[in-house]
Amino acid sequence: MSINEQHAANNTPANEMRSQGRAVKPKDAATLIIVRRDSKQPHILMGKRAASHKFMPNKFVFPGGKVDPGDWRIRPPKDLHPSVLQRLMKGCSESRARSLALAAIRETYEETGLVLGETDSLTIKTRSPQWQAFLQHGINPRLDTLNLIARAITPPYRNRRFDTRFFMVEADIIQGDVHAAPLGSGELLAMHWVSLIDAEKLDLPIITRMILKEVEQRLAVGQSPDVEGPFIYFRNGKPVIDKI
């Protein structure tokens, strides 16, 4: 383990550290930052991971999670913006890229109960139990408004690793009521809409704090699907920030 890894690992709980052997292969995951603009300052949705979680317990995060096989099998009528799809496809297939965006919407629904989509087209069909729960509302997931703002791969010294794409979307594509404290599966606790200033005061993972800076910058200068974002990973034990 390099000096850089040792420094970062000092802030990692022992039960999240890889004890021996080769680094664990990262699993595809996706996260969704929902921006709500119906007050003076923009607010984003965050929740607290339960103490029982083996990965980043008690930390405040955005909704999201691992890609599910069902995320590969559906094709919503409103697809990703071509620039977003192209950026997502760096190093992966078109179907895999789309599955990442769909995972962000599905996981957000499961964790928050919020349905992000549109009602203007015939509801798609699927055998996926996870997507059947979403589609029962008569709403199709809407990908065209999702913006890819970052990608991060969990450091190799951790025993659980994820290759996570971070998407940003406006809250106006939420169908139904938008509550102050949305309720979902219970995987995220203390869920609420929080300003960026207040979000920075929460107990956040290092990567979440970095993504908040990216969100703040984009809210200040405006959103565009063509704008690249940071790609954070480790190479030869050293942190690297490229562009995606």
Protein backbone atom coordinates (compact mmCIF):
# COMPACT_ATOMS: atom_id res chain seq x y z
CA MET A 1 0.00 0.00 0.00
CA SER A 2 1.38 3.38 -1.02
CA ILE A 3 1.72 6.44 1.24
CA ASN A 4 -1.31 8.00 -0.44
CA GLU A 5 -3.39 4.90 0.18
CA GLN A 6 -2.19 4.65 3.77
CA HIS A 7 -3.18 8.26 4.43
CA ALA A 8 -6.67 7.72 3.03
CA ALA A 9 -7.05 4.35 4.74
CA ASN A 10 -6.37 5.93 8.13
CA ASN A 11 -9.86 7.43 7.90
CA THR A 12 -11.48 4.14 6.87
CA PRO A 13 -13.03 1.82 9.50
CA ALA A 14 -11.16 -1.46 9.92
CA ASN A 15 -14.18 -3.55 8.86
CA GLU A 16 -14.20 -1.74 5.49
CA MET A 17 -10.52 -2.46 4.77
CA ARG A 18 -9.30 -5.25 2.48
CA SER A 19 -7.22 -7.53 4.68
CA GLN A 20 -5.32 -9.50 2.04
CA GLY A 21 -5.26 -10.67 -1.56
CA ARG A 22 -5.89 -8.77 -4.75
CA ALA A 23 -8.14 -5.74 -4.94
CA VAL A 24 -11.86 -6.49 -5.25
CA LYS A 25 -13.35 -5.85 -8.70
CA PRO A 26 -15.66 -2.79 -8.57
CA LYS A 27 -19.38 -3.30 -9.21
CA ASP A 28 -21.33 -0.92 -11.44
CA ALA A 29 -23.43 1.55 -9.46
CA ALA A 30 -25.25 4.82 -10.02
CA THR A 31 -26.25 7.78 -7.90
CA LEU A 32 -28.80 10.53 -8.51
CA ILE A 33 -28.54 14.12 -7.31
CA ILE A 34 -32.02 15.66 -7.49
CA VAL A 35 -32.11 19.46 -7.51
CA ARG A 36 -35.19 21.20 -6.17
CA ARG A 37 -35.58 24.92 -6.98
CA ASP A 38 -38.91 25.91 -5.40
CA SER A 39 -37.26 28.00 -2.66
CA LYS A 40 -34.71 30.81 -2.50
CA GLN A 41 -31.74 28.42 -2.49
CA PRO A 42 -31.51 25.15 -4.47
CA HIS A 43 -31.95 22.03 -2.34
CA ILE A 44 -30.79 18.47 -2.95
CA LEU A 45 -32.09 15.19 -1.54
CA MET A 46 -29.85 13.30 0.89
CA GLY A 47 -30.28 10.52 3.42
CA LYS A 48 -28.27 8.76 6.11
CA ARG A 49 -27.02 5.22 5.64
CA ALA A 50 -28.04 2.99 8.55
CA ALA A 51 -25.48 2.00 11.19
CA SER A 52 -25.95 -1.64 10.16
CA HIS A 53 -24.61 -1.00 6.65
CA LYS A 54 -21.24 -2.60 5.95
CA PHE A 55 -20.29 0.15 3.51
CA MET A 56 -20.09 3.75 4.78
CA PRO A 57 -22.47 3.35 7.75
CA ASN A 58 -23.95 6.51 9.30
CA LYS A 59 -22.80 8.66 6.36
CA PHE A 60 -25.10 11.02 4.47
CA VAL A 61 -25.29 10.24 0.75
CA PHE A 62 -27.41 10.76 -2.35
CA PRO A 63 -29.86 7.99 -3.29
CA GLY A 64 -28.43 5.26 -5.51
CA GLY A 65 -27.06 1.74 -5.62
CA LYS A 66 -25.88 -1.20 -7.72
CA VAL A 67 -26.97 -1.94 -11.26
CA ASP A 68 -29.57 -4.73 -11.39
CA PRO A 69 -29.98 -7.22 -14.30
CA GLY A 70 -33.40 -5.68 -14.96
CA ASP A 71 -31.75 -2.35 -15.72
CA TRP A 72 -30.26 -3.89 -18.88
CA ARG A 73 -33.58 -5.11 -20.23
CA ILE A 74 -35.76 -2.04 -20.66
CA ARG A 75 -35.60 0.81 -23.17
CA PRO A 76 -37.66 3.86 -22.16
CA PRO A 77 -39.21 6.07 -24.87
CA LYS A 78 -37.23 9.14 -23.80
CA ASP A 79 -33.58 8.16 -24.02
CA LEU A 80 -30.36 9.76 -22.80
CA HIS A 81 -29.14 12.95 -24.43
CA PRO A 82 -26.63 11.91 -27.14
CA SER A 83 -23.77 13.77 -25.41
CA VAL A 84 -24.52 12.09 -22.08
CA LEU A 85 -24.73 8.66 -23.73
CA GLN A 86 -21.43 9.25 -25.53
CA ARG A 87 -19.68 10.25 -22.32
CA LEU A 88 -21.16 7.28 -20.45
CA MET A 89 -19.92 4.92 -23.16
CA LYS A 90 -16.26 5.66 -22.48
CA GLY A 91 -15.07 2.14 -21.75
CA CYS A 92 -18.45 0.42 -21.90
CA SER A 93 -21.23 -0.62 -24.29
CA GLU A 94 -24.36 1.38 -25.08
CA SER A 95 -26.60 -1.06 -23.19
CA ARG A 96 -24.36 -0.95 -20.13
CA ALA A 97 -24.30 2.85 -20.25
CA ARG A 98 -28.08 3.01 -20.37
CA SER A 99 -28.37 0.48 -17.53
CA LEU A 100 -26.38 2.84 -15.30
CA ALA A 101 -28.82 5.70 -15.89
CA LEU A 102 -31.80 3.42 -15.32
CA ALA A 103 -30.26 2.09 -12.10
CA ALA A 104 -30.02 5.66 -10.79
CA ILE A 105 -33.77 6.19 -11.31
CA ARG A 106 -34.80 2.75 -10.02
CA GLU A 107 -32.63 2.91 -6.90
CA THR A 108 -33.92 6.41 -6.17
CA TYR A 109 -37.48 5.11 -6.37
CA GLU A 110 -36.71 2.17 -4.06
CA GLU A 111 -34.91 4.32 -1.49
CA THR A 112 -37.15 7.40 -1.57
CA GLY A 113 -40.48 6.43 -3.13
CA LEU A 114 -40.06 9.23 -5.69
CA VAL A 115 -41.06 8.38 -9.26
CA LEU A 116 -38.99 10.26 -11.85
CA GLY A 117 -40.45 9.94 -15.33
CA GLU A 118 -43.23 10.82 -17.74
CA THR A 119 -46.80 9.78 -18.47
CA ASP A 120 -47.00 10.76 -22.15
CA SER A 121 -46.23 7.33 -23.61
CA LEU A 122 -47.53 3.77 -23.31
CA THR A 123 -46.07 2.19 -20.17
CA ILE A 124 -43.32 -0.27 -21.04
CA LYS A 125 -43.45 -3.91 -19.92
CA THR A 126 -40.82 -5.93 -18.04
CA ARG A 127 -40.40 -9.12 -16.03
CA SER A 128 -38.09 -7.39 -13.55
CA PRO A 129 -39.79 -7.27 -10.11
CA GLN A 130 -37.89 -4.10 -9.27
CA TRP A 131 -39.09 -2.31 -12.40
CA GLN A 132 -42.62 -3.69 -12.12
CA ALA A 133 -42.92 -1.84 -8.81
CA PHE A 134 -41.91 1.41 -10.53
CA LEU A 135 -43.99 0.91 -13.68
CA GLN A 136 -47.17 0.06 -11.74
CA HIS A 137 -47.63 3.83 -11.37
CA GLY A 138 -48.20 4.12 -15.13
CA ILE A 139 -45.03 6.17 -15.54
CA ASN A 140 -42.02 5.48 -17.74
CA PRO A 141 -38.53 6.38 -16.52
CA ARG A 142 -37.29 9.50 -18.30
CA LEU A 143 -33.61 9.58 -19.19
CA ASP A 144 -33.37 12.63 -21.43
CA THR A 145 -33.05 15.12 -18.56
CA LEU A 146 -30.31 13.21 -16.69
CA ASN A 147 -26.89 14.81 -16.80
CA LEU A 148 -23.69 12.86 -16.09
CA ILE A 149 -21.58 14.99 -13.74
CA ALA A 150 -18.95 12.60 -12.31
CA ARG A 151 -17.60 9.08 -11.98
CA ALA A 152 -15.69 7.56 -9.08
CA ILE A 153 -14.18 4.15 -8.35
CA THR A 154 -13.82 3.06 -4.73
CA PRO A 155 -10.12 2.86 -3.67
CA PRO A 156 -8.49 -0.60 -3.94
CA TYR A 157 -7.77 -0.81 -0.21
CA ARG A 158 -11.51 -1.17 0.56
CA ASN A 159 -13.17 -4.59 0.78
CA ARG A 160 -16.24 -3.36 -1.15
CA ARG A 161 -15.75 -1.39 -4.32
CA PHE A 162 -18.07 0.37 -6.73
CA ASP A 163 -17.62 2.05 -10.09
CA THR A 164 -20.21 4.77 -9.61
CA ARG A 165 -21.62 7.25 -12.11
CA PHE A 166 -23.18 10.36 -10.62
CA PHE A 167 -26.19 11.83 -12.41
CA MET A 168 -27.90 15.16 -11.77
CA VAL A 169 -31.54 15.94 -12.57
CA GLU A 170 -34.16 18.59 -11.86
CA ALA A 171 -36.93 17.72 -9.39
CA ASP A 172 -39.62 18.85 -11.84
CA ILE A 173 -39.65 15.40 -13.50
CA ILE A 174 -40.88 13.88 -10.23
CA GLN A 175 -44.44 12.62 -10.68
CA GLY A 176 -46.77 13.14 -7.71
CA ASP A 177 -46.20 14.98 -4.45
CA VAL A 178 -42.72 15.98 -3.37
CA HIS A 179 -42.62 15.67 0.40
CA ALA A 180 -40.20 17.39 2.76
CA ALA A 181 -39.04 13.98 4.00
CA PRO A 182 -39.69 11.30 1.34
CA LEU A 183 -40.23 7.73 2.48
CA GLY A 184 -38.85 4.71 0.66
CA SER A 185 -37.46 1.31 1.57
CA GLY A 186 -35.88 2.51 4.81
CA GLU A 187 -32.38 1.93 3.47
CA LEU A 188 -31.74 5.66 3.81
CA LEU A 189 -32.71 7.32 7.10
CA ALA A 190 -33.26 10.98 8.00
CA MET A 191 -34.01 11.69 4.36
CA HIS A 192 -34.65 15.34 3.57
CA TRP A 193 -34.07 18.17 1.14
CA VAL A 194 -31.06 20.19 2.18
CA SER A 195 -29.31 23.31 0.88
CA LEU A 196 -25.73 22.96 -0.31
CA ILE A 197 -24.49 24.99 2.66
CA ASP A 198 -26.27 22.69 5.11
CA ALA A 199 -25.22 19.59 3.17
CA GLU A 200 -21.56 20.44 3.67
CA LYS A 201 -22.12 20.37 7.46
CA LEU A 202 -23.30 16.73 7.39
CA ASP A 203 -21.15 13.66 8.03
CA LEU A 204 -20.23 12.91 4.42
CA PRO A 205 -17.96 10.40 2.68
CA ILE A 206 -14.95 12.08 1.07
CA ILE A 207 -16.25 11.39 -2.43
CA THR A 208 -19.68 12.84 -1.64
CA ARG A 209 -18.04 16.03 -0.45
CA MET A 210 -16.11 16.23 -3.72
CA ILE A 211 -19.27 15.69 -5.76
CA LEU A 212 -21.02 18.45 -3.80
CA LYS A 213 -18.38 20.88 -5.06
CA GLU A 214 -19.14 19.78 -8.62
CA VAL A 215 -22.88 20.28 -8.02
CA GLU A 216 -22.27 23.74 -6.59
CA GLN A 217 -20.22 24.73 -9.61
CA ARG A 218 -22.82 23.49 -12.08
CA LEU A 219 -25.63 25.27 -10.27
CA ALA A 220 -23.61 28.48 -10.44
CA VAL A 221 -22.77 28.37 -14.16
CA GLY A 222 -25.70 26.35 -15.52
CA GLN A 223 -26.20 22.78 -16.67
CA SER A 224 -25.14 21.35 -20.02
CA PRO A 225 -24.98 17.69 -21.13
CA ASP A 226 -21.75 18.45 -22.99
CA VAL A 227 -19.76 19.62 -19.95
CA GLU A 228 -17.25 17.06 -18.70
CA GLY A 229 -17.01 16.11 -15.04
CA PRO A 230 -14.34 14.55 -12.80
CA PHE A 231 -13.44 10.86 -12.99
CA ILE A 232 -11.81 9.90 -9.69
CA TYR A 233 -9.87 6.64 -9.29
CA PHE A 234 -6.55 5.18 -8.11
CA ARG A 235 -3.57 4.22 -10.28
CA ASN A 236 -0.47 2.57 -8.78
CA GLY A 237 -1.71 3.53 -5.32
CA LYS A 238 -2.15 7.20 -6.17
CA PRO A 239 -5.42 9.12 -6.60
CA VAL A 240 -6.06 10.34 -10.15
CA ILE A 241 -8.65 12.82 -11.40
CA ASP A 242 -9.42 12.59 -15.12
CA LYS A 243 -12.42 13.82 -17.09
CA ILE A 244 -15.57 12.03 -18.14
